[in-house]
N, C-alpha and C. Protein backbone atom coordinates (compact mmCIF):
# COMPACT_ATOMS: atom_id res chain seq x y z
N MET A 1 0.42 -44.44 -19.50
CA MET A 1 -0.67 -43.50 -19.35
C MET A 1 -1.19 -43.15 -20.74
N SER A 2 -2.49 -43.23 -20.93
CA SER A 2 -3.09 -42.98 -22.24
C SER A 2 -3.15 -41.48 -22.54
N LYS A 3 -3.35 -41.16 -23.83
CA LYS A 3 -3.43 -39.75 -24.24
C LYS A 3 -4.62 -39.06 -23.58
N GLY A 4 -5.72 -39.76 -23.45
CA GLY A 4 -6.92 -39.19 -22.81
C GLY A 4 -6.65 -38.87 -21.35
N MET A 5 -5.91 -39.73 -20.67
CA MET A 5 -5.59 -39.50 -19.25
C MET A 5 -4.63 -38.32 -19.11
N LYS A 6 -3.67 -38.17 -20.03
CA LYS A 6 -2.74 -37.04 -19.99
C LYS A 6 -3.50 -35.73 -20.16
N LYS A 7 -4.44 -35.69 -21.11
CA LYS A 7 -5.23 -34.48 -21.33
C LYS A 7 -6.03 -34.12 -20.08
N THR A 8 -6.60 -35.12 -19.43
CA THR A 8 -7.38 -34.89 -18.22
C THR A 8 -6.51 -34.29 -17.13
N TRP A 9 -5.31 -34.82 -16.93
CA TRP A 9 -4.41 -34.30 -15.90
C TRP A 9 -3.94 -32.88 -16.23
N ILE A 10 -3.71 -32.60 -17.50
CA ILE A 10 -3.30 -31.26 -17.90
C ILE A 10 -4.42 -30.27 -17.61
N ILE A 11 -5.65 -30.63 -17.93
CA ILE A 11 -6.80 -29.75 -17.66
C ILE A 11 -6.95 -29.52 -16.16
N VAL A 12 -6.82 -30.59 -15.36
CA VAL A 12 -6.92 -30.46 -13.91
C VAL A 12 -5.82 -29.54 -13.38
N LEU A 13 -4.61 -29.67 -13.89
CA LEU A 13 -3.49 -28.84 -13.46
C LEU A 13 -3.73 -27.36 -13.81
N VAL A 14 -4.21 -27.09 -15.01
CA VAL A 14 -4.49 -25.71 -15.42
C VAL A 14 -5.58 -25.10 -14.54
N ILE A 15 -6.62 -25.85 -14.26
CA ILE A 15 -7.70 -25.36 -13.39
C ILE A 15 -7.17 -25.09 -11.99
N ALA A 16 -6.33 -25.98 -11.46
CA ALA A 16 -5.78 -25.79 -10.11
C ALA A 16 -4.92 -24.53 -10.05
N ILE A 17 -4.11 -24.29 -11.07
CA ILE A 17 -3.27 -23.09 -11.10
C ILE A 17 -4.15 -21.84 -11.17
N ALA A 18 -5.20 -21.89 -11.98
CA ALA A 18 -6.11 -20.74 -12.08
C ALA A 18 -6.79 -20.45 -10.74
N ILE A 19 -7.18 -21.48 -10.02
CA ILE A 19 -7.82 -21.29 -8.71
C ILE A 19 -6.83 -20.68 -7.72
N VAL A 20 -5.59 -21.16 -7.71
CA VAL A 20 -4.58 -20.62 -6.80
C VAL A 20 -4.35 -19.14 -7.09
N LEU A 21 -4.20 -18.78 -8.36
CA LEU A 21 -3.99 -17.37 -8.72
C LEU A 21 -5.19 -16.52 -8.34
N TRP A 22 -6.39 -17.03 -8.53
CA TRP A 22 -7.61 -16.30 -8.18
C TRP A 22 -7.67 -16.06 -6.67
N LEU A 23 -7.32 -17.08 -5.88
CA LEU A 23 -7.35 -16.94 -4.43
C LEU A 23 -6.27 -15.97 -3.93
N GLN A 24 -5.12 -15.96 -4.57
CA GLN A 24 -4.05 -15.04 -4.17
C GLN A 24 -4.45 -13.59 -4.42
N ASN A 25 -5.33 -13.34 -5.36
CA ASN A 25 -5.81 -11.99 -5.64
C ASN A 25 -7.03 -11.65 -4.81
N GLY A 26 -7.32 -12.40 -3.79
CA GLY A 26 -8.43 -12.08 -2.91
C GLY A 26 -9.77 -12.53 -3.44
N GLY A 27 -9.79 -13.39 -4.43
CA GLY A 27 -11.04 -13.95 -4.89
C GLY A 27 -11.74 -13.18 -5.99
N SER A 28 -11.10 -12.17 -6.54
CA SER A 28 -11.73 -11.49 -7.67
C SER A 28 -10.65 -10.96 -8.59
N GLY A 29 -11.04 -10.21 -9.58
CA GLY A 29 -10.10 -9.72 -10.58
C GLY A 29 -9.22 -8.61 -10.06
N GLN A 30 -9.08 -7.56 -10.86
CA GLN A 30 -8.20 -6.46 -10.49
C GLN A 30 -8.79 -5.64 -9.36
N TYR A 31 -7.89 -5.08 -8.59
CA TYR A 31 -8.28 -4.11 -7.59
C TYR A 31 -7.61 -2.80 -7.96
N LEU A 32 -8.38 -1.77 -8.02
CA LEU A 32 -7.80 -0.46 -8.28
C LEU A 32 -7.64 0.23 -6.96
N GLY A 33 -6.50 0.82 -6.72
CA GLY A 33 -6.24 1.47 -5.44
C GLY A 33 -5.85 2.92 -5.65
N VAL A 34 -5.52 3.53 -4.58
CA VAL A 34 -5.10 4.92 -4.59
C VAL A 34 -3.59 4.93 -4.49
N ASN A 35 -2.94 5.65 -5.35
CA ASN A 35 -1.49 5.77 -5.30
C ASN A 35 -1.17 7.24 -5.09
N ASP A 36 -0.93 7.60 -3.84
CA ASP A 36 -0.68 8.99 -3.49
C ASP A 36 0.56 9.03 -2.62
N SER A 37 1.67 9.40 -3.21
CA SER A 37 2.89 9.49 -2.41
C SER A 37 2.79 10.70 -1.52
N ALA A 38 2.96 10.48 -0.23
CA ALA A 38 2.87 11.57 0.73
C ALA A 38 3.84 11.30 1.86
N SER A 39 4.15 12.32 2.61
CA SER A 39 5.07 12.20 3.72
C SER A 39 4.31 12.26 5.02
N PRO A 40 4.60 11.37 6.00
CA PRO A 40 3.90 11.44 7.27
C PRO A 40 4.34 12.63 8.11
N ALA A 41 5.42 13.31 7.74
CA ALA A 41 5.88 14.46 8.51
C ALA A 41 6.06 15.64 7.56
N PRO A 42 4.96 16.21 7.08
CA PRO A 42 5.09 17.29 6.10
C PRO A 42 5.65 18.55 6.73
N GLU A 43 6.36 19.30 5.92
CA GLU A 43 6.91 20.57 6.38
C GLU A 43 6.17 21.69 5.67
N ALA A 44 5.80 22.71 6.41
CA ALA A 44 5.07 23.84 5.83
C ALA A 44 6.04 24.79 5.17
N THR A 45 5.71 25.21 3.96
CA THR A 45 6.52 26.20 3.27
C THR A 45 5.58 27.26 2.72
N ALA A 46 6.08 28.47 2.62
CA ALA A 46 5.27 29.57 2.10
C ALA A 46 5.21 29.46 0.59
N ALA A 47 4.01 29.57 0.04
CA ALA A 47 3.83 29.52 -1.41
C ALA A 47 4.13 30.89 -1.99
N PRO A 48 4.74 30.94 -3.18
CA PRO A 48 4.99 32.24 -3.80
C PRO A 48 3.67 32.90 -4.18
N ALA A 49 3.69 34.22 -4.26
CA ALA A 49 2.48 34.96 -4.61
C ALA A 49 2.02 34.57 -6.00
N ALA A 50 0.72 34.35 -6.15
CA ALA A 50 0.17 33.92 -7.43
C ALA A 50 -0.05 35.12 -8.33
N LYS A 51 0.14 34.94 -9.63
CA LYS A 51 -0.13 35.99 -10.60
C LYS A 51 -1.64 36.05 -10.83
N ALA A 52 -2.09 37.09 -11.47
CA ALA A 52 -3.52 37.29 -11.71
C ALA A 52 -4.07 36.30 -12.74
N SER A 53 -3.20 35.68 -13.54
CA SER A 53 -3.69 34.75 -14.54
C SER A 53 -4.25 33.49 -13.88
N LYS A 54 -5.14 32.86 -14.61
CA LYS A 54 -5.82 31.67 -14.09
C LYS A 54 -4.89 30.46 -14.21
N PRO A 55 -4.55 29.80 -13.08
CA PRO A 55 -3.65 28.65 -13.17
C PRO A 55 -4.38 27.44 -13.74
N LYS A 56 -3.62 26.62 -14.44
CA LYS A 56 -4.18 25.38 -14.98
C LYS A 56 -4.09 24.30 -13.91
N ALA A 57 -5.17 23.58 -13.71
CA ALA A 57 -5.19 22.49 -12.74
C ALA A 57 -4.63 21.24 -13.40
N ALA A 58 -3.70 20.61 -12.72
CA ALA A 58 -3.11 19.38 -13.24
C ALA A 58 -4.07 18.23 -12.96
N ALA A 59 -4.35 17.46 -13.98
CA ALA A 59 -5.24 16.31 -13.81
C ALA A 59 -4.42 15.14 -13.27
N PRO A 60 -4.90 14.49 -12.20
CA PRO A 60 -4.15 13.36 -11.66
C PRO A 60 -4.14 12.20 -12.64
N THR A 61 -3.03 11.50 -12.69
CA THR A 61 -2.90 10.33 -13.55
C THR A 61 -3.43 9.12 -12.79
N PRO A 62 -4.46 8.45 -13.32
CA PRO A 62 -4.99 7.29 -12.60
C PRO A 62 -3.98 6.15 -12.59
N ASP A 63 -3.95 5.43 -11.49
CA ASP A 63 -3.05 4.30 -11.35
C ASP A 63 -3.73 3.07 -11.95
N THR A 64 -3.16 2.56 -13.02
CA THR A 64 -3.79 1.43 -13.70
C THR A 64 -3.13 0.11 -13.35
N ARG A 65 -2.21 0.11 -12.40
CA ARG A 65 -1.56 -1.14 -12.02
C ARG A 65 -2.54 -2.02 -11.24
N THR A 66 -2.41 -3.32 -11.42
CA THR A 66 -3.26 -4.26 -10.70
C THR A 66 -2.72 -4.47 -9.29
N TYR A 67 -3.55 -5.06 -8.46
CA TYR A 67 -3.14 -5.38 -7.10
C TYR A 67 -1.91 -6.29 -7.12
N SER A 68 -1.91 -7.28 -7.99
CA SER A 68 -0.77 -8.20 -8.07
C SER A 68 0.51 -7.47 -8.44
N GLN A 69 0.42 -6.51 -9.35
CA GLN A 69 1.60 -5.74 -9.73
C GLN A 69 2.11 -4.90 -8.55
N MET A 70 1.18 -4.33 -7.79
CA MET A 70 1.57 -3.53 -6.63
C MET A 70 2.25 -4.41 -5.57
N VAL A 71 1.67 -5.58 -5.30
CA VAL A 71 2.26 -6.49 -4.31
C VAL A 71 3.65 -6.90 -4.76
N GLN A 72 3.81 -7.18 -6.04
CA GLN A 72 5.13 -7.56 -6.55
C GLN A 72 6.11 -6.40 -6.43
N GLN A 73 5.67 -5.19 -6.73
CA GLN A 73 6.56 -4.03 -6.68
C GLN A 73 6.98 -3.70 -5.25
N TYR A 74 6.05 -3.72 -4.31
CA TYR A 74 6.36 -3.28 -2.95
C TYR A 74 6.81 -4.42 -2.04
N GLY A 75 6.50 -5.66 -2.39
CA GLY A 75 7.00 -6.82 -1.64
C GLY A 75 6.85 -6.68 -0.15
N SER A 76 7.97 -6.68 0.57
CA SER A 76 7.93 -6.58 2.03
C SER A 76 7.74 -5.14 2.51
N ASN A 77 7.71 -4.18 1.60
CA ASN A 77 7.41 -2.78 1.96
C ASN A 77 5.90 -2.57 1.91
N ARG A 78 5.17 -3.45 2.59
CA ARG A 78 3.71 -3.43 2.57
C ARG A 78 3.19 -3.77 3.95
N ILE A 79 2.18 -3.01 4.39
CA ILE A 79 1.50 -3.31 5.65
C ILE A 79 0.04 -3.54 5.31
N GLN A 80 -0.47 -4.72 5.67
CA GLN A 80 -1.86 -5.07 5.39
C GLN A 80 -2.74 -4.81 6.60
N PHE A 81 -3.99 -4.45 6.34
CA PHE A 81 -4.98 -4.21 7.38
C PHE A 81 -6.19 -5.08 7.08
N ASP A 82 -6.63 -5.88 8.07
CA ASP A 82 -7.77 -6.76 7.86
C ASP A 82 -9.08 -6.07 8.25
N ASP A 83 -10.18 -6.83 8.24
CA ASP A 83 -11.49 -6.23 8.53
C ASP A 83 -11.62 -5.74 9.97
N ARG A 84 -10.75 -6.20 10.88
CA ARG A 84 -10.76 -5.75 12.27
C ARG A 84 -9.70 -4.69 12.54
N CYS A 85 -9.10 -4.16 11.48
CA CYS A 85 -8.04 -3.13 11.58
C CYS A 85 -6.76 -3.67 12.20
N GLN A 86 -6.52 -4.96 12.13
CA GLN A 86 -5.27 -5.52 12.61
C GLN A 86 -4.21 -5.35 11.52
N ALA A 87 -3.06 -4.82 11.90
CA ALA A 87 -1.97 -4.61 10.95
C ALA A 87 -1.09 -5.86 10.89
N SER A 88 -0.59 -6.14 9.69
CA SER A 88 0.33 -7.25 9.53
C SER A 88 1.41 -6.83 8.53
N PRO A 89 2.67 -6.79 8.93
CA PRO A 89 3.20 -7.05 10.27
C PRO A 89 2.91 -5.87 11.20
N THR A 90 3.04 -6.14 12.49
CA THR A 90 2.74 -5.10 13.48
C THR A 90 3.95 -4.21 13.76
N SER A 91 5.14 -4.70 13.50
CA SER A 91 6.35 -3.92 13.77
C SER A 91 7.33 -4.13 12.62
N VAL A 92 7.72 -3.02 11.97
CA VAL A 92 8.63 -3.10 10.83
C VAL A 92 9.67 -1.98 10.93
N THR A 93 10.75 -2.14 10.20
CA THR A 93 11.80 -1.12 10.14
C THR A 93 12.02 -0.75 8.68
N PHE A 94 12.04 0.56 8.41
CA PHE A 94 12.31 1.06 7.07
C PHE A 94 13.33 2.18 7.15
N LYS A 95 13.96 2.46 6.02
CA LYS A 95 14.92 3.56 5.91
C LYS A 95 14.20 4.84 5.51
N GLN A 96 14.79 5.97 5.88
CA GLN A 96 14.28 7.29 5.50
C GLN A 96 14.05 7.33 4.00
N GLY A 97 12.89 7.83 3.57
CA GLY A 97 12.58 7.95 2.15
C GLY A 97 11.97 6.71 1.52
N ALA A 98 11.78 5.65 2.30
CA ALA A 98 11.20 4.42 1.75
C ALA A 98 9.73 4.64 1.41
N SER A 99 9.30 4.06 0.30
CA SER A 99 7.88 4.08 -0.07
C SER A 99 7.28 2.75 0.34
N ILE A 100 6.14 2.81 1.01
CA ILE A 100 5.47 1.59 1.46
C ILE A 100 4.03 1.59 0.96
N MET A 101 3.45 0.41 0.92
CA MET A 101 2.07 0.23 0.48
C MET A 101 1.20 -0.05 1.69
N LEU A 102 0.21 0.81 1.95
CA LEU A 102 -0.80 0.55 2.97
C LEU A 102 -1.91 -0.22 2.26
N ASP A 103 -2.11 -1.47 2.63
CA ASP A 103 -2.93 -2.42 1.88
C ASP A 103 -4.17 -2.81 2.68
N ASN A 104 -5.34 -2.35 2.27
CA ASN A 104 -6.60 -2.64 2.96
C ASN A 104 -7.21 -3.91 2.38
N ARG A 105 -7.23 -4.98 3.14
CA ARG A 105 -7.79 -6.26 2.69
C ARG A 105 -9.22 -6.45 3.18
N SER A 106 -9.88 -5.39 3.51
CA SER A 106 -11.26 -5.42 3.98
C SER A 106 -12.18 -4.86 2.90
N THR A 107 -13.46 -5.23 2.96
CA THR A 107 -14.42 -4.67 2.02
C THR A 107 -14.75 -3.22 2.34
N GLN A 108 -14.54 -2.82 3.58
CA GLN A 108 -14.86 -1.46 4.03
C GLN A 108 -13.64 -0.55 3.92
N GLY A 109 -13.88 0.71 3.55
CA GLY A 109 -12.80 1.69 3.52
C GLY A 109 -12.27 1.94 4.92
N LYS A 110 -11.02 2.32 5.02
CA LYS A 110 -10.39 2.56 6.32
C LYS A 110 -9.63 3.89 6.30
N THR A 111 -9.55 4.51 7.47
CA THR A 111 -8.69 5.67 7.66
C THR A 111 -7.48 5.19 8.42
N ILE A 112 -6.35 5.16 7.74
CA ILE A 112 -5.11 4.66 8.34
C ILE A 112 -4.25 5.87 8.68
N THR A 113 -3.73 5.88 9.90
CA THR A 113 -2.92 6.99 10.39
C THR A 113 -1.49 6.52 10.59
N VAL A 114 -0.54 7.26 10.03
CA VAL A 114 0.88 6.99 10.22
C VAL A 114 1.49 8.27 10.78
N ALA A 115 1.96 8.20 12.01
CA ALA A 115 2.58 9.36 12.68
C ALA A 115 1.67 10.58 12.65
N GLY A 116 0.37 10.37 12.86
CA GLY A 116 -0.58 11.46 12.93
C GLY A 116 -1.14 11.92 11.59
N LYS A 117 -0.59 11.46 10.47
CA LYS A 117 -1.09 11.82 9.14
C LYS A 117 -2.09 10.77 8.69
N GLN A 118 -3.30 11.22 8.29
CA GLN A 118 -4.37 10.30 7.92
C GLN A 118 -4.39 10.04 6.41
N TYR A 119 -4.66 8.77 6.07
CA TYR A 119 -4.80 8.34 4.69
C TYR A 119 -6.11 7.57 4.56
N SER A 120 -6.94 7.93 3.60
CA SER A 120 -8.19 7.21 3.34
C SER A 120 -7.89 6.12 2.32
N VAL A 121 -8.14 4.87 2.71
CA VAL A 121 -7.85 3.74 1.84
C VAL A 121 -9.17 3.01 1.58
N PRO A 122 -9.60 2.93 0.32
CA PRO A 122 -10.88 2.28 0.03
C PRO A 122 -10.84 0.78 0.28
N GLY A 123 -12.01 0.16 0.36
CA GLY A 123 -12.07 -1.29 0.53
C GLY A 123 -11.32 -1.99 -0.59
N TYR A 124 -10.51 -2.97 -0.23
CA TYR A 124 -9.65 -3.70 -1.15
C TYR A 124 -8.77 -2.76 -1.98
N GLY A 125 -8.42 -1.63 -1.40
CA GLY A 125 -7.56 -0.67 -2.09
C GLY A 125 -6.23 -0.53 -1.38
N TRP A 126 -5.45 0.39 -1.85
CA TRP A 126 -4.14 0.63 -1.25
C TRP A 126 -3.77 2.09 -1.42
N GLN A 127 -2.76 2.48 -0.68
CA GLN A 127 -2.19 3.82 -0.82
C GLN A 127 -0.69 3.70 -0.59
N VAL A 128 0.08 4.36 -1.45
CA VAL A 128 1.53 4.37 -1.33
C VAL A 128 1.93 5.61 -0.55
N VAL A 129 2.77 5.41 0.46
CA VAL A 129 3.20 6.49 1.35
C VAL A 129 4.72 6.51 1.37
N THR A 130 5.32 7.70 1.28
CA THR A 130 6.76 7.84 1.41
C THR A 130 7.07 8.31 2.83
N LEU A 131 7.91 7.55 3.52
CA LEU A 131 8.21 7.82 4.93
C LEU A 131 9.39 8.78 5.06
N SER A 132 9.21 9.80 5.89
CA SER A 132 10.33 10.71 6.17
C SER A 132 10.10 11.40 7.50
N SER A 133 11.19 11.80 8.11
CA SER A 133 11.13 12.51 9.38
C SER A 133 12.39 13.35 9.51
N ALA A 134 12.26 14.49 10.18
CA ALA A 134 13.41 15.37 10.39
C ALA A 134 14.36 14.79 11.44
N SER A 135 13.84 14.05 12.41
CA SER A 135 14.70 13.46 13.44
C SER A 135 14.66 11.94 13.32
N LEU A 136 15.84 11.34 13.29
CA LEU A 136 15.96 9.89 13.13
C LEU A 136 16.92 9.33 14.16
N PRO A 137 16.80 8.12 14.57
CA PRO A 137 15.68 7.21 14.31
C PRO A 137 14.44 7.63 15.09
N ILE A 138 13.29 7.15 14.62
CA ILE A 138 12.02 7.49 15.26
C ILE A 138 11.03 6.35 15.07
N ASN A 139 10.16 6.17 16.04
CA ASN A 139 9.08 5.19 15.93
C ASN A 139 7.82 5.90 15.47
N LEU A 140 7.27 5.48 14.34
CA LEU A 140 6.04 6.04 13.81
C LEU A 140 4.89 5.12 14.21
N ILE A 141 3.91 5.66 14.90
CA ILE A 141 2.78 4.86 15.38
C ILE A 141 1.72 4.77 14.27
N ILE A 142 1.17 3.57 14.08
CA ILE A 142 0.15 3.32 13.07
C ILE A 142 -1.20 3.16 13.76
N GLY A 143 -2.22 3.81 13.21
CA GLY A 143 -3.60 3.66 13.68
C GLY A 143 -4.49 3.25 12.53
N CYS A 144 -5.64 2.70 12.86
CA CYS A 144 -6.60 2.29 11.83
C CYS A 144 -8.00 2.57 12.36
N ASN A 145 -8.73 3.44 11.67
CA ASN A 145 -10.05 3.91 12.12
C ASN A 145 -9.94 4.40 13.55
N ALA A 146 -10.75 3.87 14.48
CA ALA A 146 -10.71 4.34 15.88
C ALA A 146 -9.59 3.68 16.67
N ALA A 147 -9.00 2.61 16.13
CA ALA A 147 -7.94 1.89 16.86
C ALA A 147 -6.61 2.63 16.73
N THR A 148 -5.95 2.82 17.86
CA THR A 148 -4.64 3.46 17.84
C THR A 148 -3.58 2.43 18.19
N ASN A 149 -2.37 2.68 17.75
CA ASN A 149 -1.24 1.81 18.04
C ASN A 149 -1.47 0.36 17.60
N VAL A 150 -1.94 0.19 16.35
CA VAL A 150 -2.09 -1.16 15.81
C VAL A 150 -0.78 -1.66 15.22
N GLY A 151 0.21 -0.77 15.13
CA GLY A 151 1.52 -1.16 14.63
C GLY A 151 2.52 -0.03 14.80
N THR A 152 3.79 -0.37 14.55
CA THR A 152 4.88 0.59 14.69
C THR A 152 5.84 0.45 13.52
N ILE A 153 6.26 1.59 12.99
CA ILE A 153 7.30 1.63 11.97
C ILE A 153 8.52 2.28 12.61
N ARG A 154 9.64 1.58 12.62
CA ARG A 154 10.91 2.14 13.08
C ARG A 154 11.58 2.74 11.86
N LEU A 155 11.69 4.06 11.82
CA LEU A 155 12.28 4.75 10.69
C LEU A 155 13.73 5.10 11.02
N GLN A 156 14.65 4.64 10.17
CA GLN A 156 16.07 4.84 10.41
C GLN A 156 16.69 5.68 9.30
N ALA A 157 17.85 6.24 9.61
CA ALA A 157 18.58 7.02 8.62
C ALA A 157 19.04 6.12 7.48
N ASN A 158 19.05 6.66 6.29
CA ASN A 158 19.50 5.94 5.11
C ASN A 158 20.94 6.34 4.84
N ILE A 159 21.88 5.74 5.56
CA ILE A 159 23.29 6.14 5.45
C ILE A 159 23.95 5.60 4.20
N SER A 160 23.34 4.58 3.58
CA SER A 160 23.94 4.02 2.37
C SER A 160 23.59 4.84 1.14
N GLY A 161 22.56 5.71 1.26
CA GLY A 161 22.17 6.55 0.14
C GLY A 161 21.31 5.83 -0.88
N GLN A 162 20.88 4.61 -0.60
CA GLN A 162 20.06 3.85 -1.55
C GLN A 162 18.60 4.00 -1.26
């Protein structure tokens, strides 16, 4: 094989790898999402009385991680929603306290509901949710926009402590 032919094959290989990586990211560059850890079963607590001084508002820290970094971090702790609000996978099991990624693969924003708690997820965005419940095991029903019961999360006790 000549040197010119080797260079041609190397260029073709580099282009093919770049195309594969581009397609895995949904066909464009970075996606910025929403990272808001929240519990689907919040408990109400009384807030202490506020002093007369003016409280300082905490500025939220923007999430600068790319979509690829989020997918790598959450791996199988991710539920994707397509343009028809179909969840994938439709049935999963997680332990109490697990953080999962609600991943919107549609161009349109979606309102995703987990056990009655609503999360607004922008188009091609995501939201991180921490799962918890006072009674275990429990099935948490997932909804997407007007569709109800598009998936189920079986939440189990975390007896290993991990």
